[in-house]
PDB file of all heavy atoms in Angstrom:
ATOM      1  N   MET A   1     175.493 113.996  46.071  1.00  0.00           N
ATOM      2  CA  MET A   1     176.889 113.535  46.335  1.00  0.00           C
ATOM      3  C   MET A   1     177.359 114.159  47.607  1.00  0.00           C
ATOM      4  O   MET A   1     178.076 113.433  48.419  1.00  0.00           O
ATOM      5  CB  MET A   1     177.743 113.832  45.131  1.00  0.00           C
ATOM      6  CG  MET A   1     177.368 113.174  43.907  1.00  0.00           C
ATOM      7  SD  MET A   1     177.265 111.409  43.935  1.00  0.00           S
ATOM      8  CE  MET A   1     178.923 110.977  44.034  1.00  0.00           C
ATOM      9  N   LYS A   2     177.083 115.387  47.864  1.00  0.00           N
ATOM     10  CA  LYS A   2     177.508 116.065  49.136  1.00  0.00           C
ATOM     11  C   LYS A   2     176.850 115.420  50.296  1.00  0.00           C
ATOM     12  O   LYS A   2     177.455 115.177  51.349  1.00  0.00           O
ATOM     13  CB  LYS A   2     177.185 117.577  49.013  1.00  0.00           C
ATOM     14  CG  LYS A   2     177.426 118.329  50.264  1.00  0.00           C
ATOM     15  CD  LYS A   2     178.948 118.587  50.523  1.00  0.00           C
ATOM     16  CE  LYS A   2     179.198 119.428  51.655  1.00  0.00           C
ATOM     17  NZ  LYS A   2     180.428 119.307  52.287  1.00  0.00           N
ATOM     18  N   ILE A   3     175.599 115.126  50.220  1.00  0.00           N
ATOM     19  CA  ILE A   3     174.858 114.544  51.312  1.00  0.00           C
ATOM     20  C   ILE A   3     175.456 113.184  51.518  1.00  0.00           C
ATOM     21  O   ILE A   3     175.671 112.755  52.762  1.00  0.00           O
ATOM     22  CB  ILE A   3     173.400 114.385  50.903  1.00  0.00           C
ATOM     23  CG1 ILE A   3     172.742 115.877  50.918  1.00  0.00           C
ATOM     24  CG2 ILE A   3     172.627 113.671  52.060  1.00  0.00           C
ATOM     25  CD1 ILE A   3     171.398 115.949  50.345  1.00  0.00           C
ATOM     26  N   THR A   4     175.689 112.445  50.521  1.00  0.00           N
ATOM     27  CA  THR A   4     176.318 111.059  50.705  1.00  0.00           C
ATOM     28  C   THR A   4     177.699 111.158  51.432  1.00  0.00           C
ATOM     29  O   THR A   4     177.987 110.326  52.266  1.00  0.00           O
ATOM     30  CB  THR A   4     176.394 110.348  49.346  1.00  0.00           C
ATOM     31  OG1 THR A   4     175.085 110.225  48.748  1.00  0.00           O
ATOM     32  CG2 THR A   4     176.973 108.994  49.489  1.00  0.00           C
ATOM     33  N   GLU A   5     178.468 112.158  50.979  1.00  0.00           N
ATOM     34  CA  GLU A   5     179.799 112.362  51.593  1.00  0.00           C
ATOM     35  C   GLU A   5     179.608 112.619  53.057  1.00  0.00           C
ATOM     36  O   GLU A   5     180.359 112.189  53.937  1.00  0.00           O
ATOM     37  CB  GLU A   5     180.447 113.594  50.923  1.00  0.00           C
ATOM     38  CG  GLU A   5     181.929 113.655  51.220  1.00  0.00           C
ATOM     39  CD  GLU A   5     182.728 112.407  51.037  1.00  0.00           C
ATOM     40  OE1 GLU A   5     182.477 111.717  49.959  1.00  0.00           O
ATOM     41  OE2 GLU A   5     183.717 112.143  51.810  1.00  0.00           O
ATOM     42  N   ILE A   6     178.623 113.512  53.445  1.00  0.00           N
ATOM     43  CA  ILE A   6     178.412 113.805  54.858  1.00  0.00           C
ATOM     44  C   ILE A   6     178.036 112.548  55.670  1.00  0.00           C
ATOM     45  O   ILE A   6     178.544 112.332  56.699  1.00  0.00           O
ATOM     46  CB  ILE A   6     177.178 114.847  55.011  1.00  0.00           C
ATOM     47  CG1 ILE A   6     177.771 116.209  54.500  1.00  0.00           C
ATOM     48  CG2 ILE A   6     176.712 114.920  56.373  1.00  0.00           C
ATOM     49  CD1 ILE A   6     176.672 117.235  54.244  1.00  0.00           C
ATOM     50  N   ILE A   7     177.227 111.682  55.051  1.00  0.00           N
ATOM     51  CA  ILE A   7     176.830 110.464  55.703  1.00  0.00           C
ATOM     52  C   ILE A   7     178.091 109.557  55.928  1.00  0.00           C
ATOM     53  O   ILE A   7     178.267 108.989  56.946  1.00  0.00           O
ATOM     54  CB  ILE A   7     175.753 109.741  54.898  1.00  0.00           C
ATOM     55  CG1 ILE A   7     174.465 110.452  54.878  1.00  0.00           C
ATOM     56  CG2 ILE A   7     175.572 108.232  55.414  1.00  0.00           C
ATOM     57  CD1 ILE A   7     173.416 109.939  53.867  1.00  0.00           C
ATOM     58  N   LYS A   8     178.868 109.486  54.863  1.00  0.00           N
ATOM     59  CA  LYS A   8     180.079 108.644  54.953  1.00  0.00           C
ATOM     60  C   LYS A   8     181.090 109.012  56.011  1.00  0.00           C
ATOM     61  O   LYS A   8     181.604 108.235  56.705  1.00  0.00           O
ATOM     62  CB  LYS A   8     180.741 108.581  53.597  1.00  0.00           C
ATOM     63  CG  LYS A   8     179.992 107.660  52.541  1.00  0.00           C
ATOM     64  CD  LYS A   8     180.800 107.744  51.335  1.00  0.00           C
ATOM     65  CE  LYS A   8     180.133 106.905  50.179  1.00  0.00           C
ATOM     66  NZ  LYS A   8     180.890 106.943  48.833  1.00  0.00           N
ATOM     67  N   THR A   9     181.256 110.368  56.067  1.00  0.00           N
ATOM     68  CA  THR A   9     182.282 110.892  57.044  1.00  0.00           C
ATOM     69  C   THR A   9     181.756 111.146  58.429  1.00  0.00           C
ATOM     70  O   THR A   9     182.531 110.901  59.367  1.00  0.00           O
ATOM     71  CB  THR A   9     182.811 112.221  56.424  1.00  0.00           C
ATOM     72  OG1 THR A   9     181.798 113.104  56.286  1.00  0.00           O
ATOM     73  CG2 THR A   9     183.594 112.015  55.190  1.00  0.00           C
ATOM     74  N   ASP A  10     180.451 111.552  58.588  1.00  0.00           N
ATOM     75  CA  ASP A  10     180.095 111.932  59.929  1.00  0.00           C
ATOM     76  C   ASP A  10     179.181 111.023  60.570  1.00  0.00           C
ATOM     77  O   ASP A  10     179.099 110.885  61.854  1.00  0.00           O
ATOM     78  CB  ASP A  10     179.346 113.300  59.810  1.00  0.00           C
ATOM     79  CG  ASP A  10     180.270 114.322  59.400  1.00  0.00           C
ATOM     80  OD1 ASP A  10     181.552 114.142  59.434  1.00  0.00           O
ATOM     81  OD2 ASP A  10     179.824 115.371  58.847  1.00  0.00           O
ATOM     82  N   TYR A  11     178.324 110.174  59.852  1.00  0.00           N
ATOM     83  CA  TYR A  11     177.212 109.289  60.445  1.00  0.00           C
ATOM     84  C   TYR A  11     177.913 108.071  61.052  1.00  0.00           C
ATOM     85  O   TYR A  11     178.669 107.331  60.354  1.00  0.00           O
ATOM     86  CB  TYR A  11     176.192 108.993  59.479  1.00  0.00           C
ATOM     87  CG  TYR A  11     175.112 108.150  59.993  1.00  0.00           C
ATOM     88  CD1 TYR A  11     174.225 108.682  60.993  1.00  0.00           C
ATOM     89  CD2 TYR A  11     174.955 106.873  59.661  1.00  0.00           C
ATOM     90  CE1 TYR A  11     173.232 107.847  61.460  1.00  0.00           C
ATOM     91  CE2 TYR A  11     174.017 106.055  60.244  1.00  0.00           C
ATOM     92  CZ  TYR A  11     173.062 106.597  61.081  1.00  0.00           C
ATOM     93  OH  TYR A  11     172.038 105.858  61.566  1.00  0.00           O
ATOM     94  N   THR A  12     177.601 107.770  62.334  1.00  0.00           N
ATOM     95  CA  THR A  12     178.130 106.549  62.939  1.00  0.00           C
ATOM     96  C   THR A  12     177.123 105.572  63.467  1.00  0.00           C
ATOM     97  O   THR A  12     177.458 104.667  64.134  1.00  0.00           O
ATOM     98  CB  THR A  12     179.103 106.929  64.042  1.00  0.00           C
ATOM     99  OG1 THR A  12     178.412 107.716  64.986  1.00  0.00           O
ATOM    100  CG2 THR A  12     180.335 107.774  63.580  1.00  0.00           C
ATOM    101  N   GLY A  13     175.815 105.868  63.261  1.00  0.00           N
ATOM    102  CA  GLY A  13     174.788 105.080  63.791  1.00  0.00           C
ATOM    103  C   GLY A  13     174.441 103.804  62.907  1.00  0.00           C
ATOM    104  O   GLY A  13     175.183 103.362  62.121  1.00  0.00           O
ATOM    105  N   LEU A  14     173.232 103.382  63.153  1.00  0.00           N
ATOM    106  CA  LEU A  14     172.712 102.166  62.546  1.00  0.00           C
ATOM    107  C   LEU A  14     172.527 102.456  61.024  1.00  0.00           C
ATOM    108  O   LEU A  14     172.074 103.630  60.656  1.00  0.00           O
ATOM    109  CB  LEU A  14     171.417 101.610  63.115  1.00  0.00           C
ATOM    110  CG  LEU A  14     171.542 101.204  64.485  1.00  0.00           C
ATOM    111  CD1 LEU A  14     170.099 100.912  65.061  1.00  0.00           C
ATOM    112  CD2 LEU A  14     172.458  99.940  64.591  1.00  0.00           C
ATOM    113  N   LEU A  15     172.732 101.537  60.153  1.00  0.00           N
ATOM    114  CA  LEU A  15     172.426 101.692  58.719  1.00  0.00           C
ATOM    115  C   LEU A  15     171.022 101.412  58.386  1.00  0.00           C
ATOM    116  O   LEU A  15     170.700 100.486  57.648  1.00  0.00           O
ATOM    117  CB  LEU A  15     173.469 100.883  57.979  1.00  0.00           C
ATOM    118  CG  LEU A  15     174.991 101.235  58.015  1.00  0.00           C
ATOM    119  CD1 LEU A  15     175.834 100.328  57.238  1.00  0.00           C
ATOM    120  CD2 LEU A  15     175.201 102.646  57.516  1.00  0.00           C
ATOM    121  N   VAL A  16     170.148 102.208  58.976  1.00  0.00           N
ATOM    122  CA  VAL A  16     168.687 102.088  58.726  1.00  0.00           C
ATOM    123  C   VAL A  16     168.250 103.462  58.244  1.00  0.00           C
ATOM    124  O   VAL A  16     168.557 104.507  58.937  1.00  0.00           O
ATOM    125  CB  VAL A  16     168.043 101.676  60.094  1.00  0.00           C
ATOM    126  CG1 VAL A  16     166.546 101.564  59.983  1.00  0.00           C
ATOM    127  CG2 VAL A  16     168.550 100.351  60.638  1.00  0.00           C
ATOM    128  N   LYS A  17     167.335 103.570  57.295  1.00  0.00           N
ATOM    129  CA  LYS A  17     167.007 104.727  56.692  1.00  0.00           C
ATOM    130  C   LYS A  17     166.321 105.713  57.848  1.00  0.00           C
ATOM    131  O   LYS A  17     166.695 106.913  57.892  1.00  0.00           O
ATOM    132  CB  LYS A  17     166.040 104.560  55.582  1.00  0.00           C
ATOM    133  CG  LYS A  17     165.571 105.921  55.044  1.00  0.00           C
ATOM    134  CD  LYS A  17     164.663 105.731  53.801  1.00  0.00           C
ATOM    135  CE  LYS A  17     164.249 107.077  53.270  1.00  0.00           C
ATOM    136  NZ  LYS A  17     163.408 106.969  52.144  1.00  0.00           N
ATOM    137  N   LYS A  18     165.432 105.222  58.620  1.00  0.00           N
ATOM    138  CA  LYS A  18     164.834 105.928  59.600  1.00  0.00           C
ATOM    139  C   LYS A  18     165.855 106.567  60.571  1.00  0.00           C
ATOM    140  O   LYS A  18     165.674 107.846  60.929  1.00  0.00           O
ATOM    141  CB  LYS A  18     163.846 105.123  60.490  1.00  0.00           C
ATOM    142  CG  LYS A  18     163.015 105.788  61.533  1.00  0.00           C
ATOM    143  CD  LYS A  18     162.017 104.869  62.149  1.00  0.00           C
ATOM    144  CE  LYS A  18     161.280 105.725  63.206  1.00  0.00           C
ATOM    145  NZ  LYS A  18     160.244 104.837  63.893  1.00  0.00           N
ATOM    146  N   GLU A  19     166.859 105.837  61.017  1.00  0.00           N
ATOM    147  CA  GLU A  19     167.774 106.335  61.934  1.00  0.00           C
ATOM    148  C   GLU A  19     168.689 107.447  61.340  1.00  0.00           C
ATOM    149  O   GLU A  19     169.063 108.468  61.893  1.00  0.00           O
ATOM    150  CB  GLU A  19     168.672 105.199  62.566  1.00  0.00           C
ATOM    151  CG  GLU A  19     167.944 104.277  63.470  1.00  0.00           C
ATOM    152  CD  GLU A  19     167.258 104.990  64.622  1.00  0.00           C
ATOM    153  OE1 GLU A  19     167.966 105.854  65.187  1.00  0.00           O
ATOM    154  OE2 GLU A  19     166.194 104.624  64.996  1.00  0.00           O
ATOM    155  N   MET A  20     168.976 107.197  60.012  1.00  0.00           N
ATOM    156  CA  MET A  20     169.868 108.117  59.262  1.00  0.00           C
ATOM    157  C   MET A  20     169.183 109.433  59.098  1.00  0.00           C
ATOM    158  O   MET A  20     169.679 110.419  59.202  1.00  0.00           O
ATOM    159  CB  MET A  20     170.363 107.465  57.915  1.00  0.00           C
ATOM    160  CG  MET A  20     171.235 106.216  58.083  1.00  0.00           C
ATOM    161  SD  MET A  20     171.562 105.302  56.580  1.00  0.00           S
ATOM    162  CE  MET A  20     172.948 106.181  55.974  1.00  0.00           C
ATOM    163  N   MET A  21     167.875 109.334  58.668  1.00  0.00           N
ATOM    164  CA  MET A  21     167.064 110.610  58.457  1.00  0.00           C
ATOM    165  C   MET A  21     166.900 111.388  59.849  1.00  0.00           C
ATOM    166  O   MET A  21     167.003 112.568  59.792  1.00  0.00           O
ATOM    167  CB  MET A  21     165.708 110.200  57.846  1.00  0.00           C
ATOM    168  CG  MET A  21     165.890 109.743  56.405  1.00  0.00           C
ATOM    169  SD  MET A  21     166.696 110.952  55.403  1.00  0.00           S
ATOM    170  CE  MET A  21     165.559 112.326  55.448  1.00  0.00           C
ATOM    171  N   LYS A  22     166.653 110.592  60.946  1.00  0.00           N
ATOM    172  CA  LYS A  22     166.632 111.322  62.253  1.00  0.00           C
ATOM    173  C   LYS A  22     167.911 112.127  62.463  1.00  0.00           C
ATOM    174  O   LYS A  22     167.891 113.159  62.970  1.00  0.00           O
ATOM    175  CB  LYS A  22     166.430 110.343  63.301  1.00  0.00           C
ATOM    176  CG  LYS A  22     164.995 109.941  63.599  1.00  0.00           C
ATOM    177  CD  LYS A  22     164.962 108.982  64.834  1.00  0.00           C
ATOM    178  CE  LYS A  22     163.612 108.485  65.078  1.00  0.00           C
ATOM    179  NZ  LYS A  22     163.515 107.541  66.217  1.00  0.00           N
ATOM    180  N   TRP A  23     169.100 111.460  62.207  1.00  0.00           N
ATOM    181  CA  TRP A  23     170.407 112.102  62.459  1.00  0.00           C
ATOM    182  C   TRP A  23     170.526 113.298  61.535  1.00  0.00           C
ATOM    183  O   TRP A  23     170.942 114.347  61.980  1.00  0.00           O
ATOM    184  CB  TRP A  23     171.504 111.046  62.192  1.00  0.00           C
ATOM    185  CG  TRP A  23     172.836 111.638  62.479  1.00  0.00           C
ATOM    186  CD1 TRP A  23     173.515 111.808  63.640  1.00  0.00           C
ATOM    187  CD2 TRP A  23     173.771 112.115  61.452  1.00  0.00           C
ATOM    188  NE1 TRP A  23     174.703 112.351  63.507  1.00  0.00           N
ATOM    189  CE2 TRP A  23     174.874 112.533  62.156  1.00  0.00           C
ATOM    190  CE3 TRP A  23     173.635 112.263  60.124  1.00  0.00           C
ATOM    191  CZ2 TRP A  23     175.964 113.154  61.505  1.00  0.00           C
ATOM    192  CZ3 TRP A  23     174.753 112.829  59.479  1.00  0.00           C
ATOM    193  CH2 TRP A  23     175.941 113.324  60.209  1.00  0.00           C
ATOM    194  N   LEU A  24     170.245 113.148  60.277  1.00  0.00           N
ATOM    195  CA  LEU A  24     170.287 114.233  59.279  1.00  0.00           C
ATOM    196  C   LEU A  24     169.428 115.432  59.784  1.00  0.00           C
ATOM    197  O   LEU A  24     169.879 116.552  59.686  1.00  0.00           O
ATOM    198  CB  LEU A  24     169.979 113.788  57.874  1.00  0.00           C
ATOM    199  CG  LEU A  24     171.145 112.967  57.153  1.00  0.00           C
ATOM    200  CD1 LEU A  24     170.550 112.440  55.846  1.00  0.00           C
ATOM    201  CD2 LEU A  24     172.347 113.828  56.899  1.00  0.00           C
TER     202      LEU A  24
END
């Protein structure tokens, strides 16, 4: 849930798993 919250608030890139994992 904390990780999802971080994604929702801070991540602004493409909604693609590979890109999201690179960012994380």
